[in-house]
């Protein structure tokens, strides 16, 4: 896990944007005012069976500087794609007709034959209520992206994985990144702002109790 993470971080941190006139193909709307990561050598696997979404995602990720992208539209082939392509991160659509994206995420995390159970995963879903976000967290998802997507939202989730890695937890009930950072996982769209507060505090407390039962490998 450490080797994979270090490789991922090296690729992302090779270059920091310091001048506004740079020609590095990083989307301006996704950058902070001071710096941005060069993602040109990052390897991204996108699992989505919708051709329209594939086209949209291809445009978005190229706009933030990612060129090394593989698309997989057949969930049954995802493990093989992980083994051969060896991605640094995966975007996973949760609503696919052939399979449940959450079940696929759990399979990647827990199956003994999984080529990379530690692979950072970002869920993509049109349903962004607390129930769906919590279900994604409990399946071992690192970050959550709500549709409609934007270059800024995709970039922000990738940067969150780079800058704020979490220890991997494995126990009888769960395998995935430590769930104590639930507050950062929840999508902060307009429709979600009023849902914070008490329910979020309860969810964080529950995550602390659950993860306290397991230990990182």
Protein backbone atom coordinates (compact mmCIF):
# COMPACT_ATOMS: atom_id res chain seq x y z
CA UNK A 1 0.00 0.00 0.00
CA UNK A 2 2.79 2.44 0.90
CA UNK A 3 4.58 1.84 -2.38
CA UNK A 4 1.42 2.40 -4.42
CA UNK A 5 0.59 5.55 -2.48
CA UNK A 6 4.13 6.93 -2.82
CA UNK A 7 4.06 6.32 -6.57
CA UNK A 8 0.74 8.11 -6.81
CA UNK A 9 1.95 11.07 -4.76
CA UNK A 10 5.18 11.38 -6.74
CA UNK A 11 3.23 11.56 -9.98
CA UNK A 12 0.88 14.21 -8.66
CA UNK A 13 3.49 16.34 -6.90
CA UNK A 14 6.15 16.45 -9.60
CA UNK A 15 5.17 19.98 -10.44
CA UNK A 16 3.45 22.83 -8.63
CA UNK A 17 1.94 25.68 -10.56
CA UNK A 18 3.60 28.97 -9.54
CA UNK A 19 3.00 31.38 -12.41
CA UNK A 20 -0.37 32.36 -13.82
CA UNK A 21 1.08 32.37 -17.35
CA UNK A 22 2.06 28.67 -17.31
CA UNK A 23 1.07 26.51 -20.27
CA UNK A 24 0.48 23.42 -18.15
CA UNK A 25 -2.95 22.03 -19.16
CA UNK A 26 -4.62 22.39 -15.78
CA UNK A 27 -8.13 23.81 -15.79
CA UNK A 28 -8.03 27.34 -14.34
CA UNK A 29 -11.46 26.98 -12.72
CA UNK A 30 -10.20 24.00 -10.73
CA UNK A 31 -7.03 25.58 -9.39
CA UNK A 32 -6.47 27.40 -6.17
CA UNK A 33 -5.20 30.94 -6.46
CA UNK A 34 -1.64 29.91 -5.56
CA UNK A 35 -0.93 26.42 -6.84
CA UNK A 36 -2.23 23.39 -8.69
CA UNK A 37 -1.02 19.84 -9.18
CA UNK A 38 0.31 18.51 -12.42
CA UNK A 39 -1.83 15.41 -13.04
CA UNK A 40 -0.42 14.64 -16.49
CA UNK A 41 1.21 11.37 -15.38
CA UNK A 42 -1.64 10.15 -13.19
CA UNK A 43 -3.32 6.95 -14.41
CA UNK A 44 -7.10 7.09 -14.10
CA UNK A 45 -9.56 4.22 -14.54
CA UNK A 46 -13.17 5.26 -15.18
CA UNK A 47 -15.90 2.65 -14.76
CA UNK A 48 -19.10 3.82 -16.42
CA UNK A 49 -21.34 2.12 -18.99
CA UNK A 50 -22.97 5.32 -20.26
CA UNK A 51 -21.37 6.64 -23.45
CA UNK A 52 -22.52 10.20 -22.80
CA UNK A 53 -20.92 10.21 -19.36
CA UNK A 54 -17.73 8.73 -20.80
CA UNK A 55 -17.53 11.59 -23.30
CA UNK A 56 -18.21 14.16 -20.58
CA UNK A 57 -15.66 12.65 -18.21
CA UNK A 58 -13.04 12.43 -20.96
CA UNK A 59 -13.45 16.15 -21.59
CA UNK A 60 -13.34 16.99 -17.87
CA UNK A 61 -10.25 14.97 -17.01
CA UNK A 62 -8.36 16.23 -20.04
CA UNK A 63 -9.27 19.74 -18.95
CA UNK A 64 -7.51 19.20 -15.61
CA UNK A 65 -4.46 17.69 -17.28
CA UNK A 66 -5.10 13.93 -17.11
CA UNK A 67 -4.31 12.17 -20.39
CA UNK A 68 -3.61 8.60 -19.26
CA UNK A 69 -7.20 7.38 -18.93
CA UNK A 70 -8.80 3.98 -19.41
CA UNK A 71 -12.56 3.48 -19.67
CA UNK A 72 -14.26 0.24 -18.67
CA UNK A 73 -17.96 -0.19 -19.39
CA UNK A 74 -18.27 -3.81 -18.26
CA UNK A 75 -18.17 -4.23 -14.47
CA UNK A 76 -17.16 -7.89 -14.87
CA UNK A 77 -13.90 -6.74 -16.47
CA UNK A 78 -12.93 -4.18 -13.84
CA UNK A 79 -10.60 -6.44 -11.83
CA UNK A 80 -8.73 -7.36 -15.00
CA UNK A 81 -8.49 -3.69 -15.95
CA UNK A 82 -7.03 -2.87 -12.53
CA UNK A 83 -4.47 -5.65 -12.90
CA UNK A 84 -3.34 -4.67 -16.41
CA UNK A 85 -3.68 -0.88 -16.33
CA UNK A 86 -2.53 -0.45 -12.71
CA UNK A 87 -4.39 2.85 -12.13
CA UNK A 88 -3.56 5.38 -9.43
CA UNK A 89 -7.22 6.17 -8.87
CA UNK A 90 -10.63 4.98 -10.06
CA UNK A 91 -13.88 6.81 -10.77
CA UNK A 92 -16.82 4.46 -10.26
CA UNK A 93 -20.41 5.06 -11.36
CA UNK A 94 -22.72 3.67 -8.69
CA UNK A 95 -25.78 3.23 -10.91
CA UNK A 96 -25.00 0.66 -13.60
CA UNK A 97 -27.62 -1.79 -14.93
CA UNK A 98 -25.34 -4.84 -14.85
CA UNK A 99 -24.15 -4.46 -11.28
CA UNK A 100 -24.38 -2.40 -8.13
CA UNK A 101 -21.38 -0.05 -7.94
CA UNK A 102 -21.27 -0.43 -4.16
CA UNK A 103 -21.07 -4.22 -4.49
CA UNK A 104 -18.21 -3.81 -6.96
CA UNK A 105 -16.37 -1.49 -4.57
CA UNK A 106 -16.74 -3.99 -1.72
CA UNK A 107 -15.50 -6.77 -4.02
CA UNK A 108 -12.38 -4.77 -4.89
CA UNK A 109 -11.71 -4.05 -1.23
CA UNK A 110 -12.37 -7.50 0.23
CA UNK A 111 -11.80 -10.19 -2.40
CA UNK A 112 -8.60 -12.18 -1.87
CA UNK A 113 -7.92 -12.09 -5.61
CA UNK A 114 -8.32 -8.32 -5.91
CA UNK A 115 -5.25 -6.92 -7.71
CA UNK A 116 -5.30 -3.75 -5.58
CA UNK A 117 -7.65 -3.61 -2.57
CA UNK A 118 -6.10 -0.25 -1.56
CA UNK A 119 -6.95 1.52 -4.84
CA UNK A 120 -8.37 5.02 -4.14
CA UNK A 121 -11.95 5.16 -5.40
CA UNK A 122 -14.24 8.10 -6.14
CA UNK A 123 -17.94 7.33 -6.41
CA UNK A 124 -20.01 9.12 -9.05
CA UNK A 125 -23.76 9.28 -8.47
CA UNK A 126 -26.85 11.33 -9.24
CA UNK A 127 -28.11 10.54 -5.72
CA UNK A 128 -26.22 12.64 -3.19
CA UNK A 129 -28.37 12.43 -0.08
CA UNK A 130 -26.89 11.36 3.23
CA UNK A 131 -28.12 7.76 2.85
CA UNK A 132 -26.29 7.25 -0.44
CA UNK A 133 -23.13 9.01 0.73
CA UNK A 134 -22.99 6.90 3.89
CA UNK A 135 -23.56 3.70 1.86
CA UNK A 136 -20.63 4.65 -0.37
CA UNK A 137 -18.45 5.30 2.65
CA UNK A 138 -19.39 1.94 4.15
CA UNK A 139 -18.48 0.19 0.87
CA UNK A 140 -14.92 1.51 1.14
CA UNK A 141 -15.22 4.53 -1.17
CA UNK A 142 -12.69 7.31 -0.57
CA UNK A 143 -14.59 10.28 -2.04
CA UNK A 144 -18.04 11.07 -3.41
CA UNK A 145 -18.95 13.06 -6.54
CA UNK A 146 -22.51 14.16 -7.17
CA UNK A 147 -23.86 14.76 -10.66
CA UNK A 148 -23.85 17.09 -12.50
CA UNK A 149 -20.06 16.99 -12.57
CA UNK A 150 -17.65 19.85 -13.13
CA UNK A 151 -13.90 20.12 -13.68
CA UNK A 152 -13.58 21.82 -10.29
CA UNK A 153 -15.43 19.07 -8.39
CA UNK A 154 -13.46 16.24 -10.04
CA UNK A 155 -10.16 18.04 -9.44
CA UNK A 156 -11.04 18.77 -5.81
CA UNK A 157 -11.79 15.10 -5.05
CA UNK A 158 -8.53 13.96 -6.62
CA UNK A 159 -6.56 16.57 -4.68
CA UNK A 160 -8.32 15.50 -1.48
CA UNK A 161 -7.02 11.95 -2.00
CA UNK A 162 -3.51 13.29 -2.66
CA UNK A 163 -3.34 15.67 0.27
CA UNK A 164 -5.37 13.81 2.89
CA UNK A 165 -4.68 10.08 2.66
CA UNK A 166 -6.36 7.94 5.31
CA UNK A 167 -5.12 4.71 6.91
CA UNK A 168 -6.61 1.51 5.56
CA UNK A 169 -8.88 -0.38 7.96
CA UNK A 170 -9.73 -4.06 7.70
CA UNK A 171 -11.96 -6.03 10.03
CA UNK A 172 -14.75 -8.58 9.80
CA UNK A 173 -17.33 -5.97 8.79
CA UNK A 174 -15.38 -3.42 6.77
CA UNK A 175 -12.39 -2.92 4.49
CA UNK A 176 -11.41 0.51 3.21
CA UNK A 177 -10.10 3.93 4.22
CA UNK A 178 -10.73 5.01 7.78
CA UNK A 179 -14.29 6.33 7.96
CA UNK A 180 -13.64 8.95 10.63
CA UNK A 181 -13.24 11.61 7.96
CA UNK A 182 -16.92 11.41 6.98
CA UNK A 183 -17.31 15.19 7.07
CA UNK A 184 -14.91 15.52 4.13
CA UNK A 185 -16.60 12.75 2.16
CA UNK A 186 -20.06 14.30 2.09
CA UNK A 187 -20.85 16.26 -1.04
CA UNK A 188 -21.11 19.96 -0.27
CA UNK A 189 -23.62 21.01 -2.91
CA UNK A 190 -26.30 23.61 -2.25
CA UNK A 191 -28.90 20.98 -1.47
CA UNK A 192 -26.63 19.41 1.17
CA UNK A 193 -25.71 22.49 3.20
CA UNK A 194 -28.85 22.45 5.31
CA UNK A 195 -28.38 18.75 6.10
CA UNK A 196 -25.19 19.25 8.10
CA UNK A 197 -25.12 19.76 11.86
CA UNK A 198 -26.70 17.23 14.17
CA UNK A 199 -27.04 14.37 11.68
CA UNK A 200 -23.43 14.80 10.57
CA UNK A 201 -22.18 14.79 14.16
CA UNK A 202 -24.12 11.58 14.80
CA UNK A 203 -22.67 9.96 11.67
CA UNK A 204 -19.11 10.93 12.63
CA UNK A 205 -19.61 9.52 16.12
CA UNK A 206 -20.90 6.27 14.64
CA UNK A 207 -17.90 6.04 12.31
CA UNK A 208 -15.55 6.45 15.28
CA UNK A 209 -17.26 3.59 17.09
CA UNK A 210 -17.22 1.31 14.04
CA UNK A 211 -13.62 1.92 13.06
CA UNK A 212 -12.51 1.52 16.63
CA UNK A 213 -13.35 -2.18 16.28
CA UNK A 214 -10.78 -2.75 13.53
CA UNK A 215 -7.12 -2.05 12.93
CA UNK A 216 -5.07 -1.04 9.95
CA UNK A 217 -3.11 -3.90 8.37
